[in-house]
Amino acid sequence: MTGQTSAMMALRDPDIRLMLRVRADDPHAFAELVEQYQHRLIAVMHHLVGNREEAEDLAQEVFLRVYRNRASYTPKAKFSTWLFKIANNLALNAHRDRRRRPVVPLEPADSQSSGHWPTQNLTENRDQPPTERIQQQELEQIIRVALDDLNERQRLAVVLNKFEDMGYQEIAEVMGLTPPAVKSLLSRAREKLRAALQPYIYMDAPPPAPPHHDSDHGENTP
C-alpha cells in the first residue's frame, strides 16, 4: 500500500519523482533538487533568521538532512511541504539557540545582503526609467521592513503563502498547525502589514477625497 501511495503522489509531483531517484542514490537527481530549491530556501531562511550568512548555512543543513535521510524517505505530502517543514524546524532551533547565547546584532536588510529576497520579483522591470526603478527599490525595502516587523510565525506564514504559493493546508503541515489556525495567523499578519504599508499606498497619487457627509444628516429636529 505504501508503494502504491508513493507512486500516486509521484505522478502528481515531479519533485517527489526526483526525491525518489535521490532515494535510489542517483546523484544527478540530488543536484537537480538543490539547483531548483536552493535560492528559494535561502530566501525563506533569510526572512526567518534575518542574516544572509546564517540563512545559507541553514539551507545547506536542510539539504544535508534530506540527503542523509534519503533511504527512509516516504512521500506523505508534496516535496516542497516536506522540505520547508525541515527548514522551519531548523530555523526554530536556531532561534532557541540564539536566545541561550548573548545577543549579536543582525545585519541590516540592505539590497546587497538580500540578493534573493522574494520581494525582488514584485516590481522588477529593467526597461523602466531610473526614477521608477529607484521608487521600486524603495518599495521593496519598505516591504522587507514591514515583513521583518511580523513575529516569526506570522512572517513564515506570509512568506509561504505569498512567495511559495502555499495554501492553508500546506502551511499548516509545515508549521504543525491546523488550517483554521493558519487562516487566523495570516489574517492578523495582513492587518499588521496593511497598517505598516498604509502611509506608502498613495506615494505617487493624492489620496481619495473623504466621502461627503450632509451637514444636516443625523441632526435632531426640534
N, C-alpha and C. Protein backbone atom coordinates (compact mmCIF):
# COMPACT_ATOMS: atom_id res chain seq x y z
N MET A 1 0.83 -1.21 0.00
CA MET A 1 0.00 0.00 0.00
C MET A 1 0.86 1.26 0.00
N THR A 2 1.95 1.24 0.80
CA THR A 2 2.84 2.41 0.84
C THR A 2 3.45 2.68 -0.51
N GLY A 3 3.83 1.60 -1.22
CA GLY A 3 4.42 1.75 -2.55
C GLY A 3 3.43 2.34 -3.53
N GLN A 4 2.15 1.92 -3.44
CA GLN A 4 1.12 2.46 -4.32
C GLN A 4 0.89 3.94 -4.04
N THR A 5 0.87 4.31 -2.74
CA THR A 5 0.68 5.71 -2.37
C THR A 5 1.83 6.57 -2.90
N SER A 6 3.06 6.08 -2.74
CA SER A 6 4.23 6.81 -3.23
C SER A 6 4.15 7.00 -4.74
N ALA A 7 3.75 5.97 -5.44
CA ALA A 7 3.67 6.05 -6.90
C ALA A 7 2.61 7.05 -7.32
N MET A 8 1.46 7.07 -6.63
CA MET A 8 0.39 8.01 -6.97
C MET A 8 0.81 9.45 -6.71
N MET A 9 1.50 9.68 -5.59
CA MET A 9 1.96 11.04 -5.28
C MET A 9 3.04 11.47 -6.26
N ALA A 10 3.89 10.54 -6.67
CA ALA A 10 4.96 10.87 -7.62
C ALA A 10 4.39 11.28 -8.97
N LEU A 11 3.24 10.72 -9.34
CA LEU A 11 2.61 11.11 -10.59
C LEU A 11 2.16 12.55 -10.56
N ARG A 12 1.76 13.04 -9.35
CA ARG A 12 1.25 14.40 -9.22
C ARG A 12 2.35 15.43 -8.97
N ASP A 13 3.47 15.00 -8.42
CA ASP A 13 4.52 15.94 -8.01
C ASP A 13 5.86 15.52 -8.61
N PRO A 14 6.35 16.23 -9.62
CA PRO A 14 7.63 15.87 -10.24
C PRO A 14 8.81 15.93 -9.26
N ASP A 15 8.71 16.76 -8.23
CA ASP A 15 9.79 16.84 -7.24
C ASP A 15 9.85 15.58 -6.39
N ILE A 16 8.70 14.96 -6.16
CA ILE A 16 8.71 13.68 -5.46
C ILE A 16 9.41 12.63 -6.33
N ARG A 17 9.19 12.68 -7.63
CA ARG A 17 9.88 11.75 -8.52
C ARG A 17 11.39 11.94 -8.43
N LEU A 18 11.80 13.21 -8.36
CA LEU A 18 13.23 13.48 -8.20
C LEU A 18 13.75 12.91 -6.88
N MET A 19 12.99 13.13 -5.80
CA MET A 19 13.43 12.66 -4.49
C MET A 19 13.47 11.15 -4.43
N LEU A 20 12.57 10.48 -5.13
CA LEU A 20 12.62 9.02 -5.18
C LEU A 20 13.87 8.55 -5.92
N ARG A 21 14.30 9.30 -6.90
CA ARG A 21 15.58 8.99 -7.56
C ARG A 21 16.74 9.23 -6.61
N VAL A 22 16.64 10.29 -5.78
CA VAL A 22 17.67 10.53 -4.76
C VAL A 22 17.71 9.34 -3.81
N ARG A 23 16.55 8.85 -3.41
CA ARG A 23 16.48 7.69 -2.53
C ARG A 23 17.17 6.47 -3.16
N ALA A 24 17.13 6.42 -4.48
CA ALA A 24 17.79 5.32 -5.19
C ALA A 24 19.26 5.63 -5.48
N ASP A 25 19.80 6.67 -4.81
CA ASP A 25 21.22 7.04 -4.93
C ASP A 25 21.61 7.54 -6.31
N ASP A 26 20.69 8.31 -6.92
CA ASP A 26 21.00 8.97 -8.20
C ASP A 26 21.58 10.35 -7.88
N PRO A 27 22.90 10.57 -8.03
CA PRO A 27 23.49 11.86 -7.64
C PRO A 27 23.01 13.02 -8.50
N HIS A 28 22.66 12.75 -9.75
CA HIS A 28 22.18 13.82 -10.62
C HIS A 28 20.83 14.36 -10.14
N ALA A 29 20.00 13.48 -9.60
CA ALA A 29 18.70 13.92 -9.09
C ALA A 29 18.87 14.85 -7.91
N PHE A 30 19.79 14.53 -7.02
CA PHE A 30 20.00 15.40 -5.85
C PHE A 30 20.51 16.78 -6.30
N ALA A 31 21.42 16.79 -7.27
CA ALA A 31 21.92 18.07 -7.78
C ALA A 31 20.78 18.90 -8.38
N GLU A 32 19.84 18.24 -9.04
CA GLU A 32 18.70 18.96 -9.61
C GLU A 32 17.83 19.57 -8.51
N LEU A 33 17.60 18.81 -7.45
CA LEU A 33 16.80 19.34 -6.34
C LEU A 33 17.46 20.55 -5.70
N VAL A 34 18.76 20.45 -5.48
CA VAL A 34 19.49 21.57 -4.87
C VAL A 34 19.40 22.79 -5.78
N GLU A 35 19.62 22.58 -7.06
CA GLU A 35 19.58 23.70 -8.01
C GLU A 35 18.20 24.34 -8.02
N GLN A 36 17.17 23.52 -7.93
CA GLN A 36 15.80 24.02 -8.02
C GLN A 36 15.36 24.77 -6.78
N TYR A 37 15.84 24.36 -5.61
CA TYR A 37 15.30 24.90 -4.36
C TYR A 37 16.27 25.78 -3.57
N GLN A 38 17.55 25.81 -3.91
CA GLN A 38 18.49 26.46 -3.00
C GLN A 38 18.20 27.96 -2.83
N HIS A 39 17.92 28.67 -3.92
CA HIS A 39 17.68 30.12 -3.78
C HIS A 39 16.37 30.39 -3.04
N ARG A 40 15.36 29.61 -3.32
CA ARG A 40 14.08 29.78 -2.62
C ARG A 40 14.24 29.48 -1.14
N LEU A 41 14.99 28.45 -0.83
CA LEU A 41 15.19 28.06 0.56
C LEU A 41 16.00 29.10 1.32
N ILE A 42 17.05 29.62 0.69
CA ILE A 42 17.85 30.66 1.32
C ILE A 42 17.01 31.90 1.57
N ALA A 43 16.16 32.25 0.60
CA ALA A 43 15.31 33.43 0.76
C ALA A 43 14.36 33.27 1.95
N VAL A 44 13.73 32.11 2.07
CA VAL A 44 12.82 31.87 3.19
C VAL A 44 13.59 31.90 4.50
N MET A 45 14.75 31.23 4.54
CA MET A 45 15.57 31.22 5.75
C MET A 45 16.02 32.62 6.13
N HIS A 46 16.34 33.43 5.14
CA HIS A 46 16.77 34.80 5.41
C HIS A 46 15.67 35.57 6.11
N HIS A 47 14.44 35.38 5.66
CA HIS A 47 13.31 36.03 6.33
C HIS A 47 13.17 35.55 7.76
N LEU A 48 13.44 34.27 7.98
CA LEU A 48 13.19 33.70 9.31
C LEU A 48 14.27 34.04 10.32
N VAL A 49 15.55 34.09 9.87
CA VAL A 49 16.65 34.31 10.82
C VAL A 49 17.26 35.69 10.71
N GLY A 50 16.99 36.42 9.60
CA GLY A 50 17.43 37.81 9.49
C GLY A 50 18.88 38.00 9.13
N ASN A 51 19.59 36.93 8.78
CA ASN A 51 21.01 37.04 8.49
C ASN A 51 21.32 36.17 7.28
N ARG A 52 21.91 36.78 6.25
CA ARG A 52 22.15 36.07 4.99
C ARG A 52 23.10 34.88 5.17
N GLU A 53 24.20 35.09 5.88
CA GLU A 53 25.18 34.02 6.05
C GLU A 53 24.58 32.84 6.83
N GLU A 54 23.86 33.15 7.89
CA GLU A 54 23.22 32.09 8.67
C GLU A 54 22.16 31.38 7.85
N ALA A 55 21.44 32.13 7.00
CA ALA A 55 20.42 31.53 6.14
C ALA A 55 21.06 30.53 5.17
N GLU A 56 22.21 30.88 4.62
CA GLU A 56 22.90 29.97 3.70
C GLU A 56 23.37 28.72 4.43
N ASP A 57 23.88 28.88 5.65
CA ASP A 57 24.33 27.73 6.43
C ASP A 57 23.16 26.81 6.76
N LEU A 58 22.03 27.39 7.15
CA LEU A 58 20.86 26.59 7.49
C LEU A 58 20.30 25.88 6.26
N ALA A 59 20.30 26.56 5.12
CA ALA A 59 19.83 25.92 3.88
C ALA A 59 20.70 24.73 3.54
N GLN A 60 22.01 24.88 3.73
CA GLN A 60 22.92 23.76 3.48
C GLN A 60 22.61 22.60 4.42
N GLU A 61 22.31 22.91 5.68
CA GLU A 61 21.97 21.87 6.64
C GLU A 61 20.67 21.17 6.26
N VAL A 62 19.70 21.91 5.72
CA VAL A 62 18.46 21.29 5.26
C VAL A 62 18.76 20.24 4.19
N PHE A 63 19.58 20.62 3.20
CA PHE A 63 19.90 19.68 2.12
C PHE A 63 20.71 18.48 2.64
N LEU A 64 21.58 18.73 3.62
CA LEU A 64 22.33 17.62 4.22
C LEU A 64 21.37 16.63 4.88
N ARG A 65 20.38 17.15 5.58
CA ARG A 65 19.40 16.26 6.24
C ARG A 65 18.58 15.50 5.21
N VAL A 66 18.21 16.17 4.15
CA VAL A 66 17.47 15.49 3.08
C VAL A 66 18.29 14.33 2.53
N TYR A 67 19.58 14.57 2.29
CA TYR A 67 20.42 13.53 1.70
C TYR A 67 20.68 12.39 2.69
N ARG A 68 20.94 12.75 3.95
CA ARG A 68 21.23 11.71 4.95
C ARG A 68 20.02 10.81 5.18
N ASN A 69 18.82 11.37 5.07
CA ASN A 69 17.61 10.60 5.35
C ASN A 69 16.94 10.07 4.08
N ARG A 70 17.67 10.09 2.98
CA ARG A 70 17.08 9.70 1.70
C ARG A 70 16.57 8.26 1.69
N ALA A 71 17.29 7.35 2.36
CA ALA A 71 16.92 5.93 2.32
C ALA A 71 15.58 5.68 2.99
N SER A 72 15.20 6.51 3.97
CA SER A 72 13.93 6.31 4.69
C SER A 72 12.82 7.21 4.17
N TYR A 73 13.07 7.93 3.08
CA TYR A 73 12.08 8.87 2.56
C TYR A 73 10.84 8.13 2.06
N THR A 74 9.68 8.57 2.54
CA THR A 74 8.39 8.08 2.06
C THR A 74 7.48 9.28 1.86
N PRO A 75 7.08 9.55 0.64
CA PRO A 75 6.27 10.76 0.40
C PRO A 75 4.89 10.67 1.04
N LYS A 76 4.61 11.65 1.89
CA LYS A 76 3.30 11.75 2.53
C LYS A 76 2.66 13.11 2.25
N ALA A 77 3.42 13.99 1.62
CA ALA A 77 2.94 15.33 1.25
C ALA A 77 3.78 15.78 0.06
N LYS A 78 3.44 16.95 -0.48
CA LYS A 78 4.27 17.50 -1.55
C LYS A 78 5.71 17.62 -1.08
N PHE A 79 6.65 17.47 -2.01
CA PHE A 79 8.06 17.56 -1.62
C PHE A 79 8.37 18.90 -1.00
N SER A 80 7.85 19.99 -1.59
CA SER A 80 8.14 21.33 -1.06
C SER A 80 7.63 21.47 0.37
N THR A 81 6.47 20.86 0.67
CA THR A 81 5.94 20.92 2.04
C THR A 81 6.89 20.24 3.01
N TRP A 82 7.36 19.06 2.63
CA TRP A 82 8.31 18.31 3.48
C TRP A 82 9.61 19.09 3.67
N LEU A 83 10.12 19.69 2.57
CA LEU A 83 11.38 20.42 2.63
C LEU A 83 11.27 21.63 3.55
N PHE A 84 10.20 22.41 3.41
CA PHE A 84 10.06 23.62 4.21
C PHE A 84 9.69 23.29 5.66
N LYS A 85 9.15 22.13 5.90
CA LYS A 85 8.94 21.70 7.29
C LYS A 85 10.28 21.48 7.97
N ILE A 86 11.21 20.83 7.28
CA ILE A 86 12.57 20.66 7.81
C ILE A 86 13.20 22.03 8.05
N ALA A 87 13.03 22.95 7.08
CA ALA A 87 13.60 24.29 7.20
C ALA A 87 13.03 25.03 8.40
N ASN A 88 11.72 24.92 8.60
CA ASN A 88 11.09 25.60 9.73
C ASN A 88 11.62 25.07 11.06
N ASN A 89 11.77 23.76 11.17
CA ASN A 89 12.30 23.17 12.41
C ASN A 89 13.71 23.66 12.70
N LEU A 90 14.54 23.73 11.66
CA LEU A 90 15.91 24.21 11.85
C LEU A 90 15.93 25.68 12.24
N ALA A 91 15.07 26.48 11.63
CA ALA A 91 15.01 27.91 11.97
C ALA A 91 14.56 28.10 13.42
N LEU A 92 13.58 27.32 13.86
CA LEU A 92 13.14 27.41 15.25
C LEU A 92 14.27 27.02 16.21
N ASN A 93 15.02 25.98 15.86
CA ASN A 93 16.17 25.59 16.68
C ASN A 93 17.20 26.71 16.74
N ALA A 94 17.42 27.37 15.60
CA ALA A 94 18.39 28.47 15.55
C ALA A 94 17.96 29.61 16.46
N HIS A 95 16.65 29.92 16.46
CA HIS A 95 16.14 30.98 17.34
C HIS A 95 16.30 30.60 18.81
N ARG A 96 16.04 29.34 19.14
CA ARG A 96 16.19 28.90 20.53
C ARG A 96 17.65 28.98 20.97
N ASP A 97 18.56 28.55 20.08
CA ASP A 97 19.98 28.62 20.40
C ASP A 97 20.43 30.07 20.60
N ARG A 98 19.87 30.96 19.78
CA ARG A 98 20.26 32.37 19.86
C ARG A 98 19.83 32.97 21.20
N ARG A 99 18.66 32.53 21.70
CA ARG A 99 18.19 33.05 22.98
C ARG A 99 19.10 32.62 24.13
N ARG A 100 19.75 31.47 23.97
CA ARG A 100 20.64 30.98 25.02
C ARG A 100 22.00 31.67 24.99
N ARG A 101 22.33 32.28 23.83
CA ARG A 101 23.63 32.93 23.68
C ARG A 101 23.46 34.44 23.82
N PRO A 102 24.59 35.17 24.03
CA PRO A 102 24.50 36.65 24.04
C PRO A 102 23.97 37.14 22.70
N VAL A 103 23.19 38.21 22.76
CA VAL A 103 22.58 38.75 21.55
C VAL A 103 23.64 39.41 20.69
N VAL A 104 23.67 39.05 19.40
CA VAL A 104 24.58 39.65 18.44
C VAL A 104 23.74 40.43 17.44
N PRO A 105 24.04 41.70 17.17
CA PRO A 105 23.23 42.46 16.22
C PRO A 105 23.23 41.79 14.85
N LEU A 106 22.06 41.75 14.23
CA LEU A 106 21.95 41.17 12.90
C LEU A 106 22.29 42.21 11.85
N GLU A 107 22.65 41.71 10.66
CA GLU A 107 22.98 42.61 9.57
C GLU A 107 21.74 43.39 9.15
N PRO A 108 21.91 44.62 8.63
CA PRO A 108 20.76 45.35 8.11
C PRO A 108 20.25 44.70 6.85
N ALA A 109 18.94 44.88 6.59
CA ALA A 109 18.34 44.29 5.39
C ALA A 109 18.59 45.20 4.20
N ASP A 110 19.87 45.30 3.76
CA ASP A 110 20.18 46.16 2.61
C ASP A 110 20.08 45.36 1.33
N SER A 111 20.21 46.06 0.20
CA SER A 111 19.99 45.42 -1.09
C SER A 111 21.08 44.41 -1.42
N GLN A 112 22.32 44.60 -0.93
CA GLN A 112 23.38 43.67 -1.24
C GLN A 112 23.23 42.38 -0.47
N SER A 113 22.79 42.46 0.79
CA SER A 113 22.71 41.26 1.61
C SER A 113 21.48 40.43 1.30
N SER A 114 20.55 40.95 0.50
CA SER A 114 19.31 40.22 0.26
C SER A 114 19.09 39.97 -1.22
N GLY A 115 20.12 39.44 -1.88
CA GLY A 115 20.08 39.25 -3.32
C GLY A 115 18.97 38.35 -3.80
N HIS A 116 18.47 37.45 -2.97
CA HIS A 116 17.43 36.54 -3.41
C HIS A 116 16.17 36.69 -2.59
N TRP A 117 15.95 37.86 -2.01
CA TRP A 117 14.73 38.07 -1.24
C TRP A 117 13.53 38.00 -2.17
N PRO A 118 12.45 37.35 -1.77
CA PRO A 118 11.30 37.22 -2.65
C PRO A 118 10.70 38.54 -3.08
N THR A 119 10.86 39.60 -2.31
CA THR A 119 10.24 40.88 -2.68
C THR A 119 10.81 41.44 -3.96
N GLN A 120 11.95 40.96 -4.41
CA GLN A 120 12.54 41.50 -5.63
C GLN A 120 11.66 41.26 -6.85
N ASN A 121 10.92 40.15 -6.86
CA ASN A 121 10.14 39.86 -8.06
C ASN A 121 8.80 40.58 -8.06
N LEU A 122 8.53 41.40 -7.07
CA LEU A 122 7.25 42.11 -7.02
C LEU A 122 7.20 43.24 -8.04
N THR A 123 8.32 43.93 -8.25
CA THR A 123 8.27 45.14 -9.07
C THR A 123 9.39 45.24 -10.09
N GLU A 124 10.22 44.21 -10.22
CA GLU A 124 11.40 44.33 -11.05
C GLU A 124 11.05 44.47 -12.52
N ASN A 125 11.59 45.49 -13.17
CA ASN A 125 11.42 45.70 -14.61
C ASN A 125 12.59 46.53 -15.10
N ARG A 126 13.52 45.88 -15.81
CA ARG A 126 14.76 46.56 -16.21
C ARG A 126 14.55 47.62 -17.29
N ASP A 127 13.39 47.59 -17.96
CA ASP A 127 13.14 48.55 -19.03
C ASP A 127 12.59 49.87 -18.52
N GLN A 128 12.35 49.97 -17.23
CA GLN A 128 11.76 51.18 -16.69
C GLN A 128 12.80 52.27 -16.51
N PRO A 129 12.38 53.55 -16.53
CA PRO A 129 13.30 54.67 -16.32
C PRO A 129 13.95 54.59 -14.94
N PRO A 130 15.14 55.21 -14.77
CA PRO A 130 15.84 55.16 -13.48
C PRO A 130 15.00 55.63 -12.31
N THR A 131 14.18 56.68 -12.51
CA THR A 131 13.37 57.19 -11.40
C THR A 131 12.39 56.14 -10.90
N GLU A 132 11.76 55.44 -11.84
CA GLU A 132 10.81 54.40 -11.43
C GLU A 132 11.53 53.24 -10.77
N ARG A 133 12.73 52.90 -11.25
CA ARG A 133 13.49 51.81 -10.63
C ARG A 133 13.85 52.17 -9.19
N ILE A 134 14.21 53.44 -8.95
CA ILE A 134 14.53 53.87 -7.59
C ILE A 134 13.30 53.75 -6.70
N GLN A 135 12.14 54.16 -7.23
CA GLN A 135 10.90 54.04 -6.46
C GLN A 135 10.61 52.58 -6.14
N GLN A 136 10.86 51.69 -7.10
CA GLN A 136 10.61 50.28 -6.86
C GLN A 136 11.56 49.73 -5.80
N GLN A 137 12.83 50.15 -5.84
CA GLN A 137 13.78 49.70 -4.83
C GLN A 137 13.35 50.17 -3.44
N GLU A 138 12.86 51.40 -3.37
CA GLU A 138 12.38 51.92 -2.08
C GLU A 138 11.17 51.12 -1.60
N LEU A 139 10.27 50.77 -2.54
CA LEU A 139 9.10 49.99 -2.16
C LEU A 139 9.51 48.60 -1.67
N GLU A 140 10.48 47.97 -2.35
CA GLU A 140 10.97 46.66 -1.91
C GLU A 140 11.51 46.74 -0.49
N GLN A 141 12.28 47.82 -0.21
CA GLN A 141 12.84 47.98 1.13
C GLN A 141 11.74 48.15 2.17
N ILE A 142 10.71 48.93 1.81
CA ILE A 142 9.58 49.15 2.73
C ILE A 142 8.89 47.83 3.03
N ILE A 143 8.68 47.01 2.00
CA ILE A 143 8.02 45.72 2.18
C ILE A 143 8.86 44.81 3.06
N ARG A 144 10.18 44.81 2.85
CA ARG A 144 11.06 43.97 3.65
C ARG A 144 11.00 44.37 5.12
N VAL A 145 11.02 45.68 5.38
CA VAL A 145 10.96 46.16 6.76
C VAL A 145 9.62 45.76 7.39
N ALA A 146 8.54 45.88 6.62
CA ALA A 146 7.22 45.51 7.15
C ALA A 146 7.16 44.02 7.48
N LEU A 147 7.74 43.18 6.62
CA LEU A 147 7.78 41.75 6.89
C LEU A 147 8.61 41.44 8.13
N ASP A 148 9.73 42.15 8.27
CA ASP A 148 10.61 41.91 9.42
C ASP A 148 9.93 42.27 10.73
N ASP A 149 8.91 43.14 10.66
CA ASP A 149 8.23 43.58 11.89
C ASP A 149 7.20 42.56 12.38
N LEU A 150 6.90 41.56 11.54
CA LEU A 150 6.00 40.50 11.97
C LEU A 150 6.71 39.56 12.92
N ASN A 151 5.96 38.83 13.74
CA ASN A 151 6.61 37.82 14.57
C ASN A 151 7.00 36.62 13.70
N GLU A 152 7.74 35.69 14.28
CA GLU A 152 8.33 34.59 13.50
C GLU A 152 7.26 33.78 12.76
N ARG A 153 6.20 33.42 13.45
CA ARG A 153 5.18 32.57 12.84
C ARG A 153 4.41 33.32 11.75
N GLN A 154 4.08 34.59 12.02
CA GLN A 154 3.38 35.37 11.00
C GLN A 154 4.23 35.54 9.75
N ARG A 155 5.50 35.82 9.96
CA ARG A 155 6.40 36.03 8.81
C ARG A 155 6.50 34.77 7.96
N LEU A 156 6.68 33.61 8.61
CA LEU A 156 6.77 32.36 7.86
C LEU A 156 5.49 32.09 7.09
N ALA A 157 4.34 32.29 7.73
CA ALA A 157 3.06 32.04 7.07
C ALA A 157 2.89 32.93 5.84
N VAL A 158 3.25 34.21 5.97
CA VAL A 158 3.12 35.15 4.84
C VAL A 158 4.06 34.76 3.71
N VAL A 159 5.31 34.45 4.04
CA VAL A 159 6.29 34.09 3.00
C VAL A 159 5.85 32.83 2.26
N LEU A 160 5.41 31.82 2.99
CA LEU A 160 4.98 30.58 2.34
C LEU A 160 3.72 30.80 1.50
N ASN A 161 2.83 31.65 1.98
CA ASN A 161 1.58 31.90 1.27
C ASN A 161 1.79 32.74 0.02
N LYS A 162 2.54 33.83 0.16
CA LYS A 162 2.66 34.78 -0.94
C LYS A 162 3.78 34.45 -1.93
N PHE A 163 4.87 33.89 -1.42
CA PHE A 163 6.03 33.69 -2.30
C PHE A 163 6.26 32.22 -2.66
N GLU A 164 5.71 31.30 -1.86
CA GLU A 164 5.78 29.89 -2.22
C GLU A 164 4.41 29.37 -2.67
N ASP A 165 3.41 30.25 -2.67
CA ASP A 165 2.08 29.94 -3.19
C ASP A 165 1.44 28.74 -2.48
N MET A 166 1.67 28.63 -1.18
CA MET A 166 1.08 27.53 -0.40
C MET A 166 -0.26 27.95 0.16
N GLY A 167 -1.20 27.01 0.19
CA GLY A 167 -2.50 27.24 0.79
C GLY A 167 -2.48 26.95 2.28
N TYR A 168 -3.64 27.12 2.92
CA TYR A 168 -3.72 26.94 4.37
C TYR A 168 -3.30 25.53 4.79
N GLN A 169 -3.73 24.51 4.03
CA GLN A 169 -3.43 23.13 4.41
C GLN A 169 -1.93 22.86 4.39
N GLU A 170 -1.25 23.30 3.31
CA GLU A 170 0.19 23.08 3.21
C GLU A 170 0.96 23.82 4.30
N ILE A 171 0.57 25.08 4.53
CA ILE A 171 1.25 25.86 5.57
C ILE A 171 1.03 25.21 6.93
N ALA A 172 -0.18 24.69 7.14
CA ALA A 172 -0.47 24.01 8.40
C ALA A 172 0.45 22.81 8.60
N GLU A 173 0.69 22.05 7.52
CA GLU A 173 1.58 20.89 7.62
C GLU A 173 3.01 21.31 7.91
N VAL A 174 3.46 22.41 7.29
CA VAL A 174 4.82 22.90 7.53
C VAL A 174 4.97 23.35 8.97
N MET A 175 3.98 24.08 9.48
CA MET A 175 4.11 24.73 10.78
C MET A 175 3.56 23.91 11.94
N GLY A 176 2.93 22.77 11.64
CA GLY A 176 2.35 21.97 12.72
C GLY A 176 1.13 22.61 13.34
N LEU A 177 0.32 23.29 12.51
CA LEU A 177 -0.89 23.95 12.97
C LEU A 177 -2.10 23.38 12.25
N THR A 178 -3.28 23.82 12.60
CA THR A 178 -4.48 23.46 11.86
C THR A 178 -4.73 24.53 10.79
N PRO A 179 -5.41 24.19 9.70
CA PRO A 179 -5.73 25.20 8.68
C PRO A 179 -6.46 26.42 9.24
N PRO A 180 -7.46 26.27 10.15
CA PRO A 180 -8.09 27.47 10.71
C PRO A 180 -7.10 28.34 11.48
N ALA A 181 -6.13 27.72 12.17
CA ALA A 181 -5.13 28.49 12.90
C ALA A 181 -4.25 29.28 11.94
N VAL A 182 -3.92 28.67 10.79
CA VAL A 182 -3.12 29.37 9.77
C VAL A 182 -3.91 30.54 9.20
N LYS A 183 -5.20 30.31 8.94
CA LYS A 183 -6.05 31.39 8.41
C LYS A 183 -6.08 32.57 9.37
N SER A 184 -6.21 32.28 10.66
CA SER A 184 -6.22 33.35 11.67
C SER A 184 -4.86 34.05 11.73
N LEU A 185 -3.79 33.26 11.65
CA LEU A 185 -2.44 33.81 11.70
C LEU A 185 -2.20 34.76 10.52
N LEU A 186 -2.61 34.34 9.33
CA LEU A 186 -2.43 35.18 8.14
C LEU A 186 -3.30 36.43 8.21
N SER A 187 -4.49 36.30 8.77
CA SER A 187 -5.38 37.46 8.89
C SER A 187 -4.74 38.53 9.78
N ARG A 188 -4.17 38.11 10.91
CA ARG A 188 -3.51 39.07 11.80
C ARG A 188 -2.27 39.66 11.14
N ALA A 189 -1.53 38.83 10.39
CA ALA A 189 -0.33 39.33 9.71
C ALA A 189 -0.70 40.35 8.65
N ARG A 190 -1.76 40.09 7.90
CA ARG A 190 -2.19 41.03 6.85
C ARG A 190 -2.62 42.37 7.45
N GLU A 191 -3.28 42.31 8.61
CA GLU A 191 -3.68 43.55 9.27
C GLU A 191 -2.46 44.38 9.65
N LYS A 192 -1.43 43.71 10.18
CA LYS A 192 -0.21 44.42 10.56
C LYS A 192 0.49 44.99 9.33
N LEU A 193 0.55 44.20 8.24
CA LEU A 193 1.20 44.68 7.02
C LEU A 193 0.42 45.85 6.43
N ARG A 194 -0.91 45.74 6.44
CA ARG A 194 -1.73 46.83 5.89
C ARG A 194 -1.50 48.12 6.67
N ALA A 195 -1.40 48.01 7.98
CA ALA A 195 -1.17 49.20 8.80
C ALA A 195 0.22 49.77 8.55
N ALA A 196 1.21 48.89 8.36
CA ALA A 196 2.59 49.36 8.14
C ALA A 196 2.76 50.00 6.77
N LEU A 197 2.03 49.49 5.77
CA LEU A 197 2.21 49.98 4.39
C LEU A 197 1.23 51.09 4.02
N GLN A 198 0.23 51.35 4.85
CA GLN A 198 -0.78 52.35 4.54
C GLN A 198 -0.20 53.72 4.18
N PRO A 199 0.82 54.22 4.91
CA PRO A 199 1.36 55.54 4.56
C PRO A 199 1.98 55.61 3.17
N TYR A 200 2.30 54.45 2.56
CA TYR A 200 3.00 54.46 1.28
C TYR A 200 2.09 54.12 0.11
N ILE A 201 0.82 53.84 0.40
CA ILE A 201 -0.08 53.43 -0.68
C ILE A 201 -0.29 54.55 -1.68
N TYR A 202 -0.33 55.80 -1.20
CA TYR A 202 -0.62 56.94 -2.09
C TYR A 202 0.63 57.77 -2.36
N MET A 203 1.79 57.11 -2.42
CA MET A 203 3.03 57.87 -2.61
C MET A 203 3.03 58.65 -3.93
N ASP A 204 2.47 58.04 -5.00
CA ASP A 204 2.54 58.65 -6.33
C ASP A 204 1.23 59.28 -6.76
N ALA A 205 0.25 59.36 -5.87
CA ALA A 205 -1.04 59.95 -6.23
C ALA A 205 -1.70 60.49 -4.97
N PRO A 206 -2.51 61.52 -5.11
CA PRO A 206 -3.20 62.04 -3.92
C PRO A 206 -4.21 61.03 -3.41
N PRO A 207 -4.41 60.98 -2.11
CA PRO A 207 -5.40 60.05 -1.56
C PRO A 207 -6.79 60.44 -2.01
N PRO A 208 -7.69 59.48 -2.06
CA PRO A 208 -9.06 59.82 -2.49
C PRO A 208 -9.71 60.77 -1.50
N ALA A 209 -10.60 61.59 -2.02
CA ALA A 209 -11.31 62.54 -1.16
C ALA A 209 -12.20 61.78 -0.18
N PRO A 210 -12.31 62.26 1.04
CA PRO A 210 -13.19 61.59 2.00
C PRO A 210 -14.63 61.68 1.54
N PRO A 211 -15.47 60.72 1.91
CA PRO A 211 -16.88 60.76 1.48
C PRO A 211 -17.57 62.01 2.01
N HIS A 212 -18.46 62.56 1.18
CA HIS A 212 -19.18 63.79 1.55
C HIS A 212 -20.33 63.46 2.49
N HIS A 213 -20.38 64.15 3.58
CA HIS A 213 -21.48 63.97 4.53
C HIS A 213 -22.31 65.24 4.58
N ASP A 214 -23.60 65.10 4.42
CA ASP A 214 -24.50 66.25 4.52
C ASP A 214 -24.49 66.79 5.96
N SER A 215 -24.27 68.07 6.08
CA SER A 215 -24.11 68.68 7.40
C SER A 215 -25.35 68.47 8.28
N ASP A 216 -26.58 68.40 7.62
CA ASP A 216 -27.76 68.19 8.48
C ASP A 216 -28.05 66.76 8.78
N HIS A 217 -27.27 65.80 8.13
CA HIS A 217 -27.59 64.39 8.30
C HIS A 217 -27.42 63.97 9.75
N GLY A 218 -28.44 63.40 10.31
CA GLY A 218 -28.36 62.88 11.67
C GLY A 218 -28.72 63.90 12.74
N GLU A 219 -28.98 65.17 12.31
CA GLU A 219 -29.33 66.16 13.32
C GLU A 219 -30.77 65.94 13.78
N ASN A 220 -31.00 66.24 15.03
CA ASN A 220 -32.36 66.13 15.56
C ASN A 220 -33.17 67.35 15.21
N THR A 221 -34.39 67.15 14.79
CA THR A 221 -35.26 68.28 14.52
C THR A 221 -35.96 68.68 15.82
N PRO A 222 -36.20 69.98 15.97
CA PRO A 222 -36.86 70.44 17.22
C PRO A 222 -38.26 69.88 17.32
